Amino acid sequence: MIEMTNMTLAIPDELSEKMKKHHEIRWTAVARQAIERKLHDLELIERLASKSKLTQKEVHEISEQIKASAAKKLGL
């Protein structure tokens, strides 16, 4: 059997009310899947970064350029 750790999180009341309208959804499973996806993404980033020759400053600059480009495309 897989051992599980309990986790408590706070969500805004408005979000809670919306969730209550969907009793058919297993919200713990949704949260678990979101956490797994995020961890997968972080592990991928760490693997890529470990092979990168970019400096932290260069990574930050590229990140800012991507954010600016995305904001421009979205009209933000």
PDB file of N, CA and C in Angstrom:
ATOM      1  N   MET A   1       0.840  -1.179   0.000  1.00  0.00           N
ATOM      2  CA  MET A   1       0.000   0.000   0.000  1.00  0.00           C
ATOM      3  C   MET A   1       0.885   1.242   0.000  1.00  0.00           C
ATOM      4  N   ILE A   2       0.482   2.249  -0.757  1.00  0.00           N
ATOM      5  CA  ILE A   2       1.218   3.506  -0.829  1.00  0.00           C
ATOM      6  C   ILE A   2       0.934   4.319   0.423  1.00  0.00           C
ATOM      7  N   GLU A   3       1.992   4.789   1.058  1.00  0.00           N
ATOM      8  CA  GLU A   3       1.816   5.670   2.218  1.00  0.00           C
ATOM      9  C   GLU A   3       1.476   7.066   1.728  1.00  0.00           C
ATOM     10  N   MET A   4       0.576   7.701   2.430  1.00  0.00           N
ATOM     11  CA  MET A   4       0.131   9.036   2.046  1.00  0.00           C
ATOM     12  C   MET A   4       0.306   9.987   3.218  1.00  0.00           C
ATOM     13  N   THR A   5       0.672  11.211   2.903  1.00  0.00           N
ATOM     14  CA  THR A   5       0.774  12.280   3.886  1.00  0.00           C
ATOM     15  C   THR A   5      -0.415  13.207   3.690  1.00  0.00           C
ATOM     16  N   ASN A   6      -1.019  13.623   4.770  1.00  0.00           N
ATOM     17  CA  ASN A   6      -2.126  14.578   4.679  1.00  0.00           C
ATOM     18  C   ASN A   6      -1.586  15.981   4.520  1.00  0.00           C
ATOM     19  N   MET A   7      -2.340  16.790   3.780  1.00  0.00           N
ATOM     20  CA  MET A   7      -1.950  18.172   3.527  1.00  0.00           C
ATOM     21  C   MET A   7      -3.207  19.030   3.648  1.00  0.00           C
ATOM     22  N   THR A   8      -3.085  20.129   4.320  1.00  0.00           N
ATOM     23  CA  THR A   8      -4.200  21.060   4.447  1.00  0.00           C
ATOM     24  C   THR A   8      -3.840  22.328   3.699  1.00  0.00           C
ATOM     25  N   LEU A   9      -4.789  22.840   2.909  1.00  0.00           N
ATOM     26  CA  LEU A   9      -4.503  24.087   2.222  1.00  0.00           C
ATOM     27  C   LEU A   9      -5.683  25.033   2.348  1.00  0.00           C
ATOM     28  N   ALA A  10      -5.374  26.292   2.316  1.00  0.00           N
ATOM     29  CA  ALA A  10      -6.398  27.325   2.421  1.00  0.00           C
ATOM     30  C   ALA A  10      -6.750  27.814   1.024  1.00  0.00           C
ATOM     31  N   ILE A  11      -8.046  27.948   0.774  1.00  0.00           N
ATOM     32  CA  ILE A  11      -8.513  28.478  -0.500  1.00  0.00           C
ATOM     33  C   ILE A  11      -9.536  29.576  -0.208  1.00  0.00           C
ATOM     34  N   PRO A  12      -9.676  30.515  -1.121  1.00  0.00           N
ATOM     35  CA  PRO A  12     -10.662  31.576  -0.911  1.00  0.00           C
ATOM     36  C   PRO A  12     -12.079  30.997  -0.816  1.00  0.00           C
ATOM     37  N   ASP A  13     -12.928  31.649  -0.036  1.00  0.00           N
ATOM     38  CA  ASP A  13     -14.309  31.197   0.133  1.00  0.00           C
ATOM     39  C   ASP A  13     -15.029  31.077  -1.206  1.00  0.00           C
ATOM     40  N   GLU A  14     -14.792  32.018  -2.093  1.00  0.00           N
ATOM     41  CA  GLU A  14     -15.447  31.996  -3.404  1.00  0.00           C
ATOM     42  C   GLU A  14     -15.100  30.720  -4.176  1.00  0.00           C
ATOM     43  N   LEU A  15     -13.848  30.331  -4.128  1.00  0.00           N
ATOM     44  CA  LEU A  15     -13.423  29.107  -4.792  1.00  0.00           C
ATOM     45  C   LEU A  15     -14.076  27.893  -4.142  1.00  0.00           C
ATOM     46  N   SER A  16     -14.128  27.889  -2.836  1.00  0.00           N
ATOM     47  CA  SER A  16     -14.762  26.796  -2.103  1.00  0.00           C
ATOM     48  C   SER A  16     -16.228  26.647  -2.494  1.00  0.00           C
ATOM     49  N   GLU A  17     -16.925  27.756  -2.612  1.00  0.00           N
ATOM     50  CA  GLU A  17     -18.346  27.717  -2.991  1.00  0.00           C
ATOM     51  C   GLU A  17     -18.522  27.138  -4.391  1.00  0.00           C
ATOM     52  N   LYS A  18     -17.649  27.498  -5.307  1.00  0.00           N
ATOM     53  CA  LYS A  18     -17.717  26.947  -6.666  1.00  0.00           C
ATOM     54  C   LYS A  18     -17.448  25.445  -6.652  1.00  0.00           C
ATOM     55  N   MET A  19     -16.496  25.031  -5.844  1.00  0.00           N
ATOM     56  CA  MET A  19     -16.166  23.608  -5.751  1.00  0.00           C
ATOM     57  C   MET A  19     -17.343  22.809  -5.191  1.00  0.00           C
ATOM     58  N   LYS A  20     -18.055  23.374  -4.237  1.00  0.00           N
ATOM     59  CA  LYS A  20     -19.195  22.686  -3.616  1.00  0.00           C
ATOM     60  C   LYS A  20     -20.300  22.385  -4.618  1.00  0.00           C
ATOM     61  N   LYS A  21     -20.346  23.123  -5.710  1.00  0.00           N
ATOM     62  CA  LYS A  21     -21.358  22.894  -6.741  1.00  0.00           C
ATOM     63  C   LYS A  21     -21.056  21.655  -7.580  1.00  0.00           C
ATOM     64  N   HIS A  22     -19.868  21.091  -7.394  1.00  0.00           N
ATOM     65  CA  HIS A  22     -19.441  19.940  -8.196  1.00  0.00           C
ATOM     66  C   HIS A  22     -19.030  18.790  -7.282  1.00  0.00           C
ATOM     67  N   HIS A  23     -20.029  18.203  -6.649  1.00  0.00           N
ATOM     68  CA  HIS A  23     -19.783  17.094  -5.719  1.00  0.00           C
ATOM     69  C   HIS A  23     -19.216  15.863  -6.425  1.00  0.00           C
ATOM     70  N   GLU A  24     -19.416  15.783  -7.741  1.00  0.00           N
ATOM     71  CA  GLU A  24     -18.943  14.621  -8.492  1.00  0.00           C
ATOM     72  C   GLU A  24     -17.422  14.618  -8.669  1.00  0.00           C
ATOM     73  N   ILE A  25     -16.792  15.739  -8.419  1.00  0.00           N
ATOM     74  CA  ILE A  25     -15.342  15.864  -8.592  1.00  0.00           C
ATOM     75  C   ILE A  25     -14.630  15.499  -7.299  1.00  0.00           C
ATOM     76  N   ARG A  26     -13.598  14.676  -7.424  1.00  0.00           N
ATOM     77  CA  ARG A  26     -12.749  14.348  -6.272  1.00  0.00           C
ATOM     78  C   ARG A  26     -11.635  15.402  -6.244  1.00  0.00           C
ATOM     79  N   TRP A  27     -11.862  16.449  -5.472  1.00  0.00           N
ATOM     80  CA  TRP A  27     -10.953  17.590  -5.467  1.00  0.00           C
ATOM     81  C   TRP A  27      -9.576  17.229  -4.944  1.00  0.00           C
ATOM     82  N   THR A  28      -9.485  16.252  -4.063  1.00  0.00           N
ATOM     83  CA  THR A  28      -8.154  15.839  -3.597  1.00  0.00           C
ATOM     84  C   THR A  28      -7.358  15.241  -4.751  1.00  0.00           C
ATOM     85  N   ALA A  29      -8.038  14.504  -5.632  1.00  0.00           N
ATOM     86  CA  ALA A  29      -7.359  13.931  -6.796  1.00  0.00           C
ATOM     87  C   ALA A  29      -6.919  15.038  -7.752  1.00  0.00           C
ATOM     88  N   VAL A  30      -7.763  16.047  -7.922  1.00  0.00           N
ATOM     89  CA  VAL A  30      -7.412  17.179  -8.790  1.00  0.00           C
ATOM     90  C   VAL A  30      -6.165  17.880  -8.251  1.00  0.00           C
ATOM     91  N   ALA A  31      -6.142  18.132  -6.954  1.00  0.00           N
ATOM     92  CA  ALA A  31      -4.989  18.792  -6.331  1.00  0.00           C
ATOM     93  C   ALA A  31      -3.739  17.925  -6.459  1.00  0.00           C
ATOM     94  N   ARG A  32      -3.887  16.627  -6.210  1.00  0.00           N
ATOM     95  CA  ARG A  32      -2.746  15.715  -6.303  1.00  0.00           C
ATOM     96  C   ARG A  32      -2.177  15.712  -7.726  1.00  0.00           C
ATOM     97  N   GLN A  33      -3.057  15.680  -8.733  1.00  0.00           N
ATOM     98  CA  GLN A  33      -2.604  15.692 -10.125  1.00  0.00           C
ATOM     99  C   GLN A  33      -1.898  17.000 -10.471  1.00  0.00           C
ATOM    100  N   ALA A  34      -2.415  18.110  -9.969  1.00  0.00           N
ATOM    101  CA  ALA A  34      -1.781  19.407 -10.227  1.00  0.00           C
ATOM    102  C   ALA A  34      -0.389  19.460  -9.605  1.00  0.00           C
ATOM    103  N   ILE A  35      -0.267  18.925  -8.401  1.00  0.00           N
ATOM    104  CA  ILE A  35       1.038  18.897  -7.728  1.00  0.00           C
ATOM    105  C   ILE A  35       2.002  18.004  -8.496  1.00  0.00           C
ATOM    106  N   GLU A  36       1.513  16.841  -8.949  1.00  0.00           N
ATOM    107  CA  GLU A  36       2.368  15.935  -9.721  1.00  0.00           C
ATOM    108  C   GLU A  36       2.841  16.591 -11.014  1.00  0.00           C
ATOM    109  N   ARG A  37       1.936  17.287 -11.722  1.00  0.00           N
ATOM    110  CA  ARG A  37       2.320  17.978 -12.962  1.00  0.00           C
ATOM    111  C   ARG A  37       3.366  19.049 -12.693  1.00  0.00           C
ATOM    112  N   LYS A  38       3.158  19.823 -11.630  1.00  0.00           N
ATOM    113  CA  LYS A  38       4.108  20.892 -11.296  1.00  0.00           C
ATOM    114  C   LYS A  38       5.479  20.307 -10.967  1.00  0.00           C
ATOM    115  N   LEU A  39       5.497  19.227 -10.183  1.00  0.00           N
ATOM    116  CA  LEU A  39       6.770  18.591  -9.842  1.00  0.00           C
ATOM    117  C   LEU A  39       7.450  18.022 -11.081  1.00  0.00           C
ATOM    118  N   HIS A  40       6.677  17.447 -11.982  1.00  0.00           N
ATOM    119  CA  HIS A  40       7.238  16.930 -13.234  1.00  0.00           C
ATOM    120  C   HIS A  40       7.889  18.062 -14.022  1.00  0.00           C
ATOM    121  N   ASP A  41       7.176  19.200 -14.122  1.00  0.00           N
ATOM    122  CA  ASP A  41       7.724  20.357 -14.833  1.00  0.00           C
ATOM    123  C   ASP A  41       9.011  20.853 -14.178  1.00  0.00           C
ATOM    124  N   LEU A  42       9.018  20.931 -12.853  1.00  0.00           N
ATOM    125  CA  LEU A  42      10.207  21.394 -12.135  1.00  0.00           C
ATOM    126  C   LEU A  42      11.386  20.446 -12.339  1.00  0.00           C
ATOM    127  N   GLU A  43      11.115  19.137 -12.318  1.00  0.00           N
ATOM    128  CA  GLU A  43      12.188  18.163 -12.540  1.00  0.00           C
ATOM    129  C   GLU A  43      12.755  18.302 -13.945  1.00  0.00           C
ATOM    130  N   LEU A  44      11.885  18.532 -14.921  1.00  0.00           N
ATOM    131  CA  LEU A  44      12.344  18.733 -16.293  1.00  0.00           C
ATOM    132  C   LEU A  44      13.210  19.985 -16.390  1.00  0.00           C
ATOM    133  N   ILE A  45      12.756  21.054 -15.774  1.00  0.00           N
ATOM    134  CA  ILE A  45      13.531  22.304 -15.773  1.00  0.00           C
ATOM    135  C   ILE A  45      14.889  22.093 -15.116  1.00  0.00           C
ATOM    136  N   GLU A  46      14.905  21.367 -14.001  1.00  0.00           N
ATOM    137  CA  GLU A  46      16.175  21.107 -13.307  1.00  0.00           C
ATOM    138  C   GLU A  46      17.122  20.295 -14.181  1.00  0.00           C
ATOM    139  N   ARG A  47      16.590  19.299 -14.909  1.00  0.00           N
ATOM    140  CA  ARG A  47      17.442  18.495 -15.798  1.00  0.00           C
ATOM    141  C   ARG A  47      18.010  19.360 -16.916  1.00  0.00           C
ATOM    142  N   LEU A  48      17.155  20.202 -17.486  1.00  0.00           N
ATOM    143  CA  LEU A  48      17.626  21.081 -18.556  1.00  0.00           C
ATOM    144  C   LEU A  48      18.644  22.085 -18.035  1.00  0.00           C
ATOM    145  N   ALA A  49      18.367  22.649 -16.875  1.00  0.00           N
ATOM    146  CA  ALA A  49      19.266  23.652 -16.296  1.00  0.00           C
ATOM    147  C   ALA A  49      20.616  23.052 -15.944  1.00  0.00           C
ATOM    148  N   SER A  50      20.627  21.807 -15.522  1.00  0.00           N
ATOM    149  CA  SER A  50      21.895  21.184 -15.133  1.00  0.00           C
ATOM    150  C   SER A  50      22.820  21.006 -16.332  1.00  0.00           C
ATOM    151  N   LYS A  51      22.231  20.973 -17.537  1.00  0.00           N
ATOM    152  CA  LYS A  51      23.030  20.818 -18.751  1.00  0.00           C
ATOM    153  C   LYS A  51      23.309  22.160 -19.424  1.00  0.00           C
ATOM    154  N   SER A  52      22.721  23.210 -18.906  1.00  0.00           N
ATOM    155  CA  SER A  52      22.826  24.531 -19.519  1.00  0.00           C
ATOM    156  C   SER A  52      24.141  25.211 -19.161  1.00  0.00           C
ATOM    157  N   LYS A  53      24.614  25.994 -20.091  1.00  0.00           N
ATOM    158  CA  LYS A  53      25.810  26.788 -19.849  1.00  0.00           C
ATOM    159  C   LYS A  53      25.438  28.255 -19.614  1.00  0.00           C
ATOM    160  N   LEU A  54      24.126  28.537 -19.550  1.00  0.00           N
ATOM    161  CA  LEU A  54      23.673  29.903 -19.306  1.00  0.00           C
ATOM    162  C   LEU A  54      23.898  30.291 -17.853  1.00  0.00           C
ATOM    163  N   THR A  55      24.151  31.561 -17.646  1.00  0.00           N
ATOM    164  CA  THR A  55      24.258  32.072 -16.280  1.00  0.00           C
ATOM    165  C   THR A  55      22.853  32.371 -15.757  1.00  0.00           C
ATOM    166  N   GLN A  56      22.730  32.558 -14.460  1.00  0.00           N
ATOM    167  CA  GLN A  56      21.437  32.902 -13.861  1.00  0.00           C
ATOM    168  C   GLN A  56      20.913  34.207 -14.457  1.00  0.00           C
ATOM    169  N   LYS A  57      21.819  35.155 -14.687  1.00  0.00           N
ATOM    170  CA  LYS A  57      21.424  36.444 -15.253  1.00  0.00           C
ATOM    171  C   LYS A  57      20.851  36.255 -16.652  1.00  0.00           C
ATOM    172  N   GLU A  58      21.487  35.425 -17.464  1.00  0.00           N
ATOM    173  CA  GLU A  58      21.002  35.177 -18.818  1.00  0.00           C
ATOM    174  C   GLU A  58      19.639  34.484 -18.796  1.00  0.00           C
ATOM    175  N   VAL A  59      19.473  33.538 -17.896  1.00  0.00           N
ATOM    176  CA  VAL A  59      18.189  32.849 -17.755  1.00  0.00           C
ATOM    177  C   VAL A  59      17.105  33.844 -17.372  1.00  0.00           C
ATOM    178  N   HIS A  60      17.415  34.735 -16.433  1.00  0.00           N
ATOM    179  CA  HIS A  60      16.453  35.747 -16.004  1.00  0.00           C
ATOM    180  C   HIS A  60      16.079  36.670 -17.169  1.00  0.00           C
ATOM    181  N   GLU A  61      17.069  37.085 -17.936  1.00  0.00           N
ATOM    182  CA  GLU A  61      16.813  37.975 -19.071  1.00  0.00           C
ATOM    183  C   GLU A  61      15.924  37.295 -20.111  1.00  0.00           C
ATOM    184  N   ILE A  62      16.195  36.035 -20.399  1.00  0.00           N
ATOM    185  CA  ILE A  62      15.376  35.289 -21.359  1.00  0.00           C
ATOM    186  C   ILE A  62      13.951  35.150 -20.833  1.00  0.00           C
ATOM    187  N   SER A  63      13.836  34.863 -19.552  1.00  0.00           N
ATOM    188  CA  SER A  63      12.522  34.733 -18.924  1.00  0.00           C
ATOM    189  C   SER A  63      11.722  36.021 -19.054  1.00  0.00           C
ATOM    190  N   GLU A  64      12.366  37.146 -18.802  1.00  0.00           N
ATOM    191  CA  GLU A  64      11.691  38.439 -18.908  1.00  0.00           C
ATOM    192  C   GLU A  64      11.267  38.722 -20.348  1.00  0.00           C
ATOM    193  N   GLN A  65      12.092  38.342 -21.308  1.00  0.00           N
ATOM    194  CA  GLN A  65      11.748  38.536 -22.715  1.00  0.00           C
ATOM    195  C   GLN A  65      10.530  37.694 -23.094  1.00  0.00           C
ATOM    196  N   ILE A  66      10.488  36.468 -22.610  1.00  0.00           N
ATOM    197  CA  ILE A  66       9.351  35.585 -22.891  1.00  0.00           C
ATOM    198  C   ILE A  66       8.077  36.155 -22.274  1.00  0.00           C
ATOM    199  N   LYS A  67       8.165  36.607 -21.025  1.00  0.00           N
ATOM    200  CA  LYS A  67       6.993  37.187 -20.362  1.00  0.00           C
ATOM    201  C   LYS A  67       6.492  38.413 -21.120  1.00  0.00           C
ATOM    202  N   ALA A  68       7.411  39.279 -21.537  1.00  0.00           N
ATOM    203  CA  ALA A  68       7.028  40.494 -22.257  1.00  0.00           C
ATOM    204  C   ALA A  68       6.368  40.143 -23.588  1.00  0.00           C
ATOM    205  N   SER A  69       6.917  39.167 -24.275  1.00  0.00           N
ATOM    206  CA  SER A  69       6.355  38.748 -25.553  1.00  0.00           C
ATOM    207  C   SER A  69       4.959  38.156 -25.374  1.00  0.00           C
ATOM    208  N   ALA A  70       4.790  37.325 -24.354  1.00  0.00           N
ATOM    209  CA  ALA A  70       3.481  36.725 -24.086  1.00  0.00           C
ATOM    210  C   ALA A  70       2.470  37.797 -23.710  1.00  0.00           C
ATOM    211  N   ALA A  71       2.881  38.743 -22.895  1.00  0.00           N
ATOM    212  CA  ALA A  71       1.982  39.825 -22.485  1.00  0.00           C
ATOM    213  C   ALA A  71       1.556  40.653 -23.695  1.00  0.00           C
ATOM    214  N   LYS A  72       2.492  40.913 -24.589  1.00  0.00           N
ATOM    215  CA  LYS A  72       2.186  41.690 -25.789  1.00  0.00           C
ATOM    216  C   LYS A  72       1.179  40.948 -26.662  1.00  0.00           C
ATOM    217  N   LYS A  73       1.386  39.647 -26.846  1.00  0.00           N
ATOM    218  CA  LYS A  73       0.468  38.853 -27.667  1.00  0.00           C
ATOM    219  C   LYS A  73      -0.922  38.788 -27.051  1.00  0.00           C
ATOM    220  N   LEU A  74      -0.989  38.786 -25.735  1.00  0.00           N
ATOM    221  CA  LEU A  74      -2.271  38.715 -25.038  1.00  0.00           C
ATOM    222  C   LEU A  74      -2.888  40.088 -24.819  1.00  0.00           C
ATOM    223  N   GLY A  75      -2.171  41.128 -25.219  1.00  0.00           N
ATOM    224  CA  GLY A  75      -2.673  42.487 -25.071  1.00  0.00           C
ATOM    225  C   GLY A  75      -2.691  42.979 -23.638  1.00  0.00           C
ATOM    226  N   LEU A  76      -1.754  42.493 -22.844  1.00  0.00           N
ATOM    227  CA  LEU A  76      -1.691  42.901 -21.435  1.00  0.00           C
ATOM    228  C   LEU A  76      -0.730  44.053 -21.229  1.00  0.00           C
TER     229      LEU A  76
END
